[in-house]
Amino acid sequence: MGQERAVRAERFGPLPGRVGHVGGIESLTLDGRRHYFGFDYRSDLVVSPLIDDPGAMAAFAAEHMRQTDGSHGEAYWAGLVADAVGTSGLVSQDAERAFTTAGLRADLPEPGSHLLYLLDAAGEWDDACPLPPEARQACARLGFDEDDLAECVDECLRALGEGGAPGVDGRSDEWTVVRCYVASAVTHLPGNWALLFAPLAEAVAVRE
């Protein structure tokens, strides 16, 4: 039984360095298709790839995840996978975790949105992966440093959302920060998380 579970779990390989975490199951929909993922709430960290099969998610969690009281089998995790359809420990409204490829390509993320949170929680970008020089310089001109990057990105998105046109209405620095942040963060996504974020990266590249 354990070998069969491992085979099902390995259909979606574990993320490097993220095996054995204590966590739960979250989900989102992309173009109407539900994807599940493991999440370590204490670390704000995604701990699995996006998995579009409930059985495979349960097998993955049984093989690679833990609860505070230790390991559990597939039947236990299957219950948590089922619960993740209707409930979330990360958002209060289901609309916040429903995405479409067309929407990701058309609209920049809202400041402080669940989408931005997931980009940070899934990514492997840290202080060893600084922003490109032009984005650091833009942050500085806007009165932020790299330690305030999340706040800077939110403020830039807010300014762009108010109708500022890059290079026309004095929003070129804001646009540079957002474009570089998204492009850099997406390149550091593990597993198949590009399924969700590649359209967003395409959108900022097209608008450049």
C-alpha atoms as a PDB file:
ATOM      1  CA  MET A   1       0.000   0.000   0.000  1.00  0.00           C
ATOM      2  CA  GLY A   2       2.790   2.410   0.876  1.00  0.00           C
ATOM      3  CA  GLN A   3       4.524   1.745  -2.448  1.00  0.00           C
ATOM      4  CA  GLU A   4       1.283   2.347  -4.388  1.00  0.00           C
ATOM      5  CA  ARG A   5       0.773   5.606  -2.509  1.00  0.00           C
ATOM      6  CA  ALA A   6       4.292   6.712  -3.298  1.00  0.00           C
ATOM      7  CA  VAL A   7       3.712   6.035  -6.994  1.00  0.00           C
ATOM      8  CA  ARG A   8       0.516   8.116  -6.973  1.00  0.00           C
ATOM      9  CA  ALA A   9       2.212  10.865  -4.977  1.00  0.00           C
ATOM     10  CA  GLU A  10       5.194  11.018  -7.327  1.00  0.00           C
ATOM     11  CA  ARG A  11       2.878  11.822 -10.224  1.00  0.00           C
ATOM     12  CA  PHE A  12       3.432  15.297  -8.806  1.00  0.00           C
ATOM     13  CA  GLY A  13       6.988  15.490  -7.520  1.00  0.00           C
ATOM     14  CA  PRO A  14       7.663  17.275  -4.219  1.00  0.00           C
ATOM     15  CA  LEU A  15       9.077  20.768  -4.253  1.00  0.00           C
ATOM     16  CA  PRO A  16      12.817  20.822  -3.448  1.00  0.00           C
ATOM     17  CA  GLY A  17      13.414  21.497   0.237  1.00  0.00           C
ATOM     18  CA  ARG A  18       9.702  21.491   1.121  1.00  0.00           C
ATOM     19  CA  VAL A  19       9.127  17.900   2.217  1.00  0.00           C
ATOM     20  CA  GLY A  20       7.831  16.969   5.662  1.00  0.00           C
ATOM     21  CA  HIS A  21       6.146  20.262   6.498  1.00  0.00           C
ATOM     22  CA  VAL A  22       3.276  20.473   8.947  1.00  0.00           C
ATOM     23  CA  GLY A  23       0.431  21.973   6.969  1.00  0.00           C
ATOM     24  CA  GLY A  24      -3.028  21.768   5.509  1.00  0.00           C
ATOM     25  CA  ILE A  25      -4.712  21.740   2.119  1.00  0.00           C
ATOM     26  CA  GLU A  26      -5.781  24.793   0.154  1.00  0.00           C
ATOM     27  CA  SER A  27      -7.295  25.104  -3.300  1.00  0.00           C
ATOM     28  CA  LEU A  28      -7.916  27.554  -6.106  1.00  0.00           C
ATOM     29  CA  THR A  29      -9.593  27.443  -9.485  1.00  0.00           C
ATOM     30  CA  LEU A  30      -7.988  28.387 -12.769  1.00  0.00           C
ATOM     31  CA  ASP A  31     -10.329  28.632 -15.751  1.00  0.00           C
ATOM     32  CA  GLY A  32     -12.906  26.720 -13.754  1.00  0.00           C
ATOM     33  CA  ARG A  33     -10.625  23.782 -12.923  1.00  0.00           C
ATOM     34  CA  ARG A  34      -9.823  23.224  -9.255  1.00  0.00           C
ATOM     35  CA  HIS A  35      -6.223  22.797  -8.190  1.00  0.00           C
ATOM     36  CA  TYR A  36      -5.150  21.767  -4.683  1.00  0.00           C
ATOM     37  CA  PHE A  37      -1.914  22.509  -2.874  1.00  0.00           C
ATOM     38  CA  GLY A  38      -0.301  21.923   0.494  1.00  0.00           C
ATOM     39  CA  PHE A  39       0.316  24.941   2.685  1.00  0.00           C
ATOM     40  CA  ASP A  40       2.406  25.516   5.808  1.00  0.00           C
ATOM     41  CA  TYR A  41       0.446  28.218   7.654  1.00  0.00           C
ATOM     42  CA  ARG A  42       3.161  28.854  10.222  1.00  0.00           C
ATOM     43  CA  SER A  43       5.702  29.700   7.541  1.00  0.00           C
ATOM     44  CA  ASP A  44       3.367  31.237   4.925  1.00  0.00           C
ATOM     45  CA  LEU A  45       4.813  28.698   2.520  1.00  0.00           C
ATOM     46  CA  VAL A  46       3.393  26.644  -0.336  1.00  0.00           C
ATOM     47  CA  VAL A  47       4.640  23.063   0.119  1.00  0.00           C
ATOM     48  CA  SER A  48       3.372  21.252  -2.954  1.00  0.00           C
ATOM     49  CA  PRO A  49       2.869  21.774  -6.651  1.00  0.00           C
ATOM     50  CA  LEU A  50      -0.599  22.585  -7.943  1.00  0.00           C
ATOM     51  CA  ILE A  51      -2.468  19.250  -8.101  1.00  0.00           C
ATOM     52  CA  ASP A  52      -5.706  18.962 -10.062  1.00  0.00           C
ATOM     53  CA  ASP A  53      -6.657  15.466  -8.853  1.00  0.00           C
ATOM     54  CA  PRO A  54      -8.138  15.103  -5.322  1.00  0.00           C
ATOM     55  CA  GLY A  55      -6.833  11.552  -4.962  1.00  0.00           C
ATOM     56  CA  ALA A  56      -3.348  12.531  -6.038  1.00  0.00           C
ATOM     57  CA  MET A  57      -3.412  15.447  -3.576  1.00  0.00           C
ATOM     58  CA  ALA A  58      -4.334  13.110  -0.730  1.00  0.00           C
ATOM     59  CA  ALA A  59      -1.596  10.668  -1.756  1.00  0.00           C
ATOM     60  CA  PHE A  60       0.942  13.488  -2.018  1.00  0.00           C
ATOM     61  CA  ALA A  61       0.055  14.806   1.446  1.00  0.00           C
ATOM     62  CA  ALA A  62       0.214  11.343   3.018  1.00  0.00           C
ATOM     63  CA  GLU A  63       3.659  10.853   1.532  1.00  0.00           C
ATOM     64  CA  HIS A  64       5.204  14.292   1.949  1.00  0.00           C
ATOM     65  CA  MET A  65       3.267  16.271   4.585  1.00  0.00           C
ATOM     66  CA  ARG A  66       2.495  16.045   8.276  1.00  0.00           C
ATOM     67  CA  GLN A  67       0.005  17.307  10.835  1.00  0.00           C
ATOM     68  CA  THR A  68       0.975  18.491  14.313  1.00  0.00           C
ATOM     69  CA  ASP A  69       0.373  14.957  15.614  1.00  0.00           C
ATOM     70  CA  GLY A  70       2.464  13.293  12.918  1.00  0.00           C
ATOM     71  CA  SER A  71       1.838  11.360   9.717  1.00  0.00           C
ATOM     72  CA  HIS A  72      -1.592  10.356   8.436  1.00  0.00           C
ATOM     73  CA  GLY A  73      -2.889   8.129   5.672  1.00  0.00           C
ATOM     74  CA  GLU A  74      -4.656   8.987   2.456  1.00  0.00           C
ATOM     75  CA  ALA A  75      -8.153   8.627   3.904  1.00  0.00           C
ATOM     76  CA  TYR A  76      -7.417  11.310   6.497  1.00  0.00           C
ATOM     77  CA  TRP A  77      -5.955  13.681   3.940  1.00  0.00           C
ATOM     78  CA  ALA A  78      -8.808  12.997   1.524  1.00  0.00           C
ATOM     79  CA  GLY A  79     -11.128  14.582   4.078  1.00  0.00           C
ATOM     80  CA  LEU A  80      -8.985  17.709   4.214  1.00  0.00           C
ATOM     81  CA  VAL A  81      -8.840  17.825   0.424  1.00  0.00           C
ATOM     82  CA  ALA A  82     -12.641  17.684   0.268  1.00  0.00           C
ATOM     83  CA  ASP A  83     -12.902  20.446   2.881  1.00  0.00           C
ATOM     84  CA  ALA A  84     -10.581  22.662   0.811  1.00  0.00           C
ATOM     85  CA  VAL A  85     -13.234  22.951  -1.894  1.00  0.00           C
ATOM     86  CA  GLY A  86     -15.559  24.986   0.309  1.00  0.00           C
ATOM     87  CA  THR A  87     -13.290  26.473   2.955  1.00  0.00           C
ATOM     88  CA  SER A  88      -9.915  28.187   3.128  1.00  0.00           C
ATOM     89  CA  GLY A  89      -7.579  29.258   5.867  1.00  0.00           C
ATOM     90  CA  LEU A  90      -6.184  32.000   3.633  1.00  0.00           C
ATOM     91  CA  VAL A  91      -9.190  33.866   2.212  1.00  0.00           C
ATOM     92  CA  SER A  92     -12.702  34.634   3.388  1.00  0.00           C
ATOM     93  CA  GLN A  93     -14.408  34.695  -0.013  1.00  0.00           C
ATOM     94  CA  ASP A  94     -14.194  32.029  -2.692  1.00  0.00           C
ATOM     95  CA  ALA A  95     -13.973  34.682  -5.415  1.00  0.00           C
ATOM     96  CA  GLU A  96     -10.529  35.614  -4.088  1.00  0.00           C
ATOM     97  CA  ARG A  97      -9.144  32.232  -5.151  1.00  0.00           C
ATOM     98  CA  ALA A  98     -10.848  31.972  -8.534  1.00  0.00           C
ATOM     99  CA  PHE A  99      -8.689  32.996 -11.501  1.00  0.00           C
ATOM    100  CA  THR A 100      -8.898  32.942 -15.271  1.00  0.00           C
ATOM    101  CA  THR A 101      -6.073  33.030 -17.776  1.00  0.00           C
ATOM    102  CA  ALA A 102      -7.764  35.883 -19.601  1.00  0.00           C
ATOM    103  CA  GLY A 103      -8.149  37.876 -16.392  1.00  0.00           C
ATOM    104  CA  LEU A 104      -4.530  37.345 -15.392  1.00  0.00           C
ATOM    105  CA  ARG A 105      -3.396  38.583 -18.783  1.00  0.00           C
ATOM    106  CA  ALA A 106      -5.730  41.573 -18.754  1.00  0.00           C
ATOM    107  CA  ASP A 107      -5.473  43.000 -15.253  1.00  0.00           C
ATOM    108  CA  LEU A 108      -2.678  43.810 -12.851  1.00  0.00           C
ATOM    109  CA  PRO A 109      -3.087  42.281  -9.369  1.00  0.00           C
ATOM    110  CA  GLU A 110      -4.913  44.292  -6.733  1.00  0.00           C
ATOM    111  CA  PRO A 111      -2.664  45.683  -3.961  1.00  0.00           C
ATOM    112  CA  GLY A 112      -2.518  43.230  -1.078  1.00  0.00           C
ATOM    113  CA  SER A 113      -4.381  40.595  -3.100  1.00  0.00           C
ATOM    114  CA  HIS A 114      -4.396  36.849  -2.564  1.00  0.00           C
ATOM    115  CA  LEU A 115      -2.690  36.504  -5.937  1.00  0.00           C
ATOM    116  CA  LEU A 116       0.323  38.501  -4.756  1.00  0.00           C
ATOM    117  CA  TYR A 117       0.353  36.576  -1.476  1.00  0.00           C
ATOM    118  CA  LEU A 118       0.509  33.281  -3.369  1.00  0.00           C
ATOM    119  CA  LEU A 119       3.263  34.586  -5.633  1.00  0.00           C
ATOM    120  CA  ASP A 120       5.360  35.264  -2.546  1.00  0.00           C
ATOM    121  CA  ALA A 121       4.354  32.059  -0.720  1.00  0.00           C
ATOM    122  CA  ALA A 122       5.064  29.816  -3.690  1.00  0.00           C
ATOM    123  CA  GLY A 123       8.249  31.480  -4.881  1.00  0.00           C
ATOM    124  CA  GLU A 124      11.847  30.840  -3.983  1.00  0.00           C
ATOM    125  CA  TRP A 125      12.886  34.452  -4.231  1.00  0.00           C
ATOM    126  CA  ASP A 126      14.703  35.830  -1.191  1.00  0.00           C
ATOM    127  CA  ASP A 127      17.331  38.416  -0.301  1.00  0.00           C
ATOM    128  CA  ALA A 128      19.850  36.479  -2.360  1.00  0.00           C
ATOM    129  CA  CYS A 129      17.781  37.299  -5.464  1.00  0.00           C
ATOM    130  CA  PRO A 130      17.632  41.113  -5.541  1.00  0.00           C
ATOM    131  CA  LEU A 131      15.561  43.182  -7.917  1.00  0.00           C
ATOM    132  CA  PRO A 132      17.239  44.329 -11.135  1.00  0.00           C
ATOM    133  CA  PRO A 133      19.139  47.629 -10.747  1.00  0.00           C
ATOM    134  CA  GLU A 134      16.504  49.692 -12.575  1.00  0.00           C
ATOM    135  CA  ALA A 135      13.829  48.498 -10.150  1.00  0.00           C
ATOM    136  CA  ARG A 136      15.995  49.191  -7.098  1.00  0.00           C
ATOM    137  CA  GLN A 137      16.627  52.694  -8.391  1.00  0.00           C
ATOM    138  CA  ALA A 138      12.905  53.208  -9.012  1.00  0.00           C
ATOM    139  CA  CYS A 139      12.120  52.026  -5.467  1.00  0.00           C
ATOM    140  CA  ALA A 140      14.638  54.506  -4.094  1.00  0.00           C
ATOM    141  CA  ARG A 141      13.167  57.382  -6.086  1.00  0.00           C
ATOM    142  CA  LEU A 142       9.741  56.471  -4.719  1.00  0.00           C
ATOM    143  CA  GLY A 143      11.099  56.581  -1.168  1.00  0.00           C
ATOM    144  CA  PHE A 144      11.348  52.824  -0.520  1.00  0.00           C
ATOM    145  CA  ASP A 145      14.237  50.440  -0.074  1.00  0.00           C
ATOM    146  CA  GLU A 146      14.325  46.721  -0.839  1.00  0.00           C
ATOM    147  CA  ASP A 147      13.376  45.860   2.739  1.00  0.00           C
ATOM    148  CA  ASP A 148      10.048  47.563   2.021  1.00  0.00           C
ATOM    149  CA  LEU A 149       9.525  45.774  -1.299  1.00  0.00           C
ATOM    150  CA  ALA A 150       6.050  44.387  -0.545  1.00  0.00           C
ATOM    151  CA  GLU A 151       4.820  47.811   0.538  1.00  0.00           C
ATOM    152  CA  CYS A 152       6.473  49.439  -2.474  1.00  0.00           C
ATOM    153  CA  VAL A 153       4.816  46.994  -4.901  1.00  0.00           C
ATOM    154  CA  ASP A 154       1.419  47.573  -3.277  1.00  0.00           C
ATOM    155  CA  GLU A 155       1.813  51.347  -3.513  1.00  0.00           C
ATOM    156  CA  CYS A 156       2.903  51.092  -7.147  1.00  0.00           C
ATOM    157  CA  LEU A 157      -0.077  48.912  -8.037  1.00  0.00           C
ATOM    158  CA  ARG A 158      -2.377  51.335  -6.254  1.00  0.00           C
ATOM    159  CA  ALA A 159      -0.959  54.254  -8.233  1.00  0.00           C
ATOM    160  CA  LEU A 160      -1.236  52.410 -11.540  1.00  0.00           C
ATOM    161  CA  GLY A 161      -4.786  51.383 -10.664  1.00  0.00           C
ATOM    162  CA  GLU A 162      -5.728  55.012 -10.289  1.00  0.00           C
ATOM    163  CA  GLY A 163      -5.219  55.497 -14.007  1.00  0.00           C
ATOM    164  CA  GLY A 164      -1.618  56.583 -14.222  1.00  0.00           C
ATOM    165  CA  ALA A 165      -0.082  55.744 -17.563  1.00  0.00           C
ATOM    166  CA  PRO A 166       3.583  54.661 -17.509  1.00  0.00           C
ATOM    167  CA  GLY A 167       5.790  57.349 -18.982  1.00  0.00           C
ATOM    168  CA  VAL A 168       2.846  59.707 -19.469  1.00  0.00           C
ATOM    169  CA  ASP A 169       1.419  60.553 -16.066  1.00  0.00           C
ATOM    170  CA  GLY A 170       4.603  60.215 -14.062  1.00  0.00           C
ATOM    171  CA  ARG A 171       4.111  56.515 -13.338  1.00  0.00           C
ATOM    172  CA  SER A 172       7.217  55.149 -15.040  1.00  0.00           C
ATOM    173  CA  ASP A 173       8.914  54.271 -11.733  1.00  0.00           C
ATOM    174  CA  GLU A 174       5.800  52.518 -10.447  1.00  0.00           C
ATOM    175  CA  TRP A 175       5.542  50.521 -13.646  1.00  0.00           C
ATOM    176  CA  THR A 176       9.240  49.587 -13.538  1.00  0.00           C
ATOM    177  CA  VAL A 177       8.873  48.214 -10.000  1.00  0.00           C
ATOM    178  CA  VAL A 178       5.770  46.160 -10.800  1.00  0.00           C
ATOM    179  CA  ARG A 179       7.135  44.834 -14.105  1.00  0.00           C
ATOM    180  CA  CYS A 180      10.489  43.819 -12.630  1.00  0.00           C
ATOM    181  CA  TYR A 181       8.956  42.354  -9.478  1.00  0.00           C
ATOM    182  CA  VAL A 182       6.501  40.133 -11.337  1.00  0.00           C
ATOM    183  CA  ALA A 183       9.038  39.036 -13.936  1.00  0.00           C
ATOM    184  CA  SER A 184      11.686  38.254 -11.301  1.00  0.00           C
ATOM    185  CA  ALA A 185       9.309  36.477  -8.929  1.00  0.00           C
ATOM    186  CA  VAL A 186       7.848  34.275 -11.660  1.00  0.00           C
ATOM    187  CA  THR A 187      11.302  33.059 -12.704  1.00  0.00           C
ATOM    188  CA  HIS A 188      11.794  31.709  -9.174  1.00  0.00           C
ATOM    189  CA  LEU A 189       8.583  29.668  -8.970  1.00  0.00           C
ATOM    190  CA  PRO A 190       9.018  25.962  -8.163  1.00  0.00           C
ATOM    191  CA  GLY A 191       7.187  23.024  -9.687  1.00  0.00           C
ATOM    192  CA  ASN A 192       4.223  23.854 -11.883  1.00  0.00           C
ATOM    193  CA  TRP A 193       3.197  27.114 -10.222  1.00  0.00           C
ATOM    194  CA  ALA A 194       3.837  28.848 -13.526  1.00  0.00           C
ATOM    195  CA  LEU A 195       0.423  27.460 -14.535  1.00  0.00           C
ATOM    196  CA  LEU A 196      -1.060  30.260 -12.459  1.00  0.00           C
ATOM    197  CA  PHE A 197       1.507  32.996 -12.873  1.00  0.00           C
ATOM    198  CA  ALA A 198       2.828  32.656 -16.437  1.00  0.00           C
ATOM    199  CA  PRO A 199      -0.163  34.592 -17.860  1.00  0.00           C
ATOM    200  CA  LEU A 200       0.555  37.435 -15.438  1.00  0.00           C
ATOM    201  CA  ALA A 201       4.199  37.490 -16.512  1.00  0.00           C
ATOM    202  CA  GLU A 202       3.090  37.549 -20.141  1.00  0.00           C
ATOM    203  CA  ALA A 203       0.805  40.479 -19.394  1.00  0.00           C
ATOM    204  CA  VAL A 204       3.521  42.677 -17.914  1.00  0.00           C
ATOM    205  CA  ALA A 205       5.921  41.722 -20.714  1.00  0.00           C
ATOM    206  CA  VAL A 206       3.408  42.737 -23.366  1.00  0.00           C
ATOM    207  CA  ARG A 207       2.738  46.056 -21.680  1.00  0.00           C
ATOM    208  CA  GLU A 208       6.434  46.878 -21.396  1.00  0.00           C
END
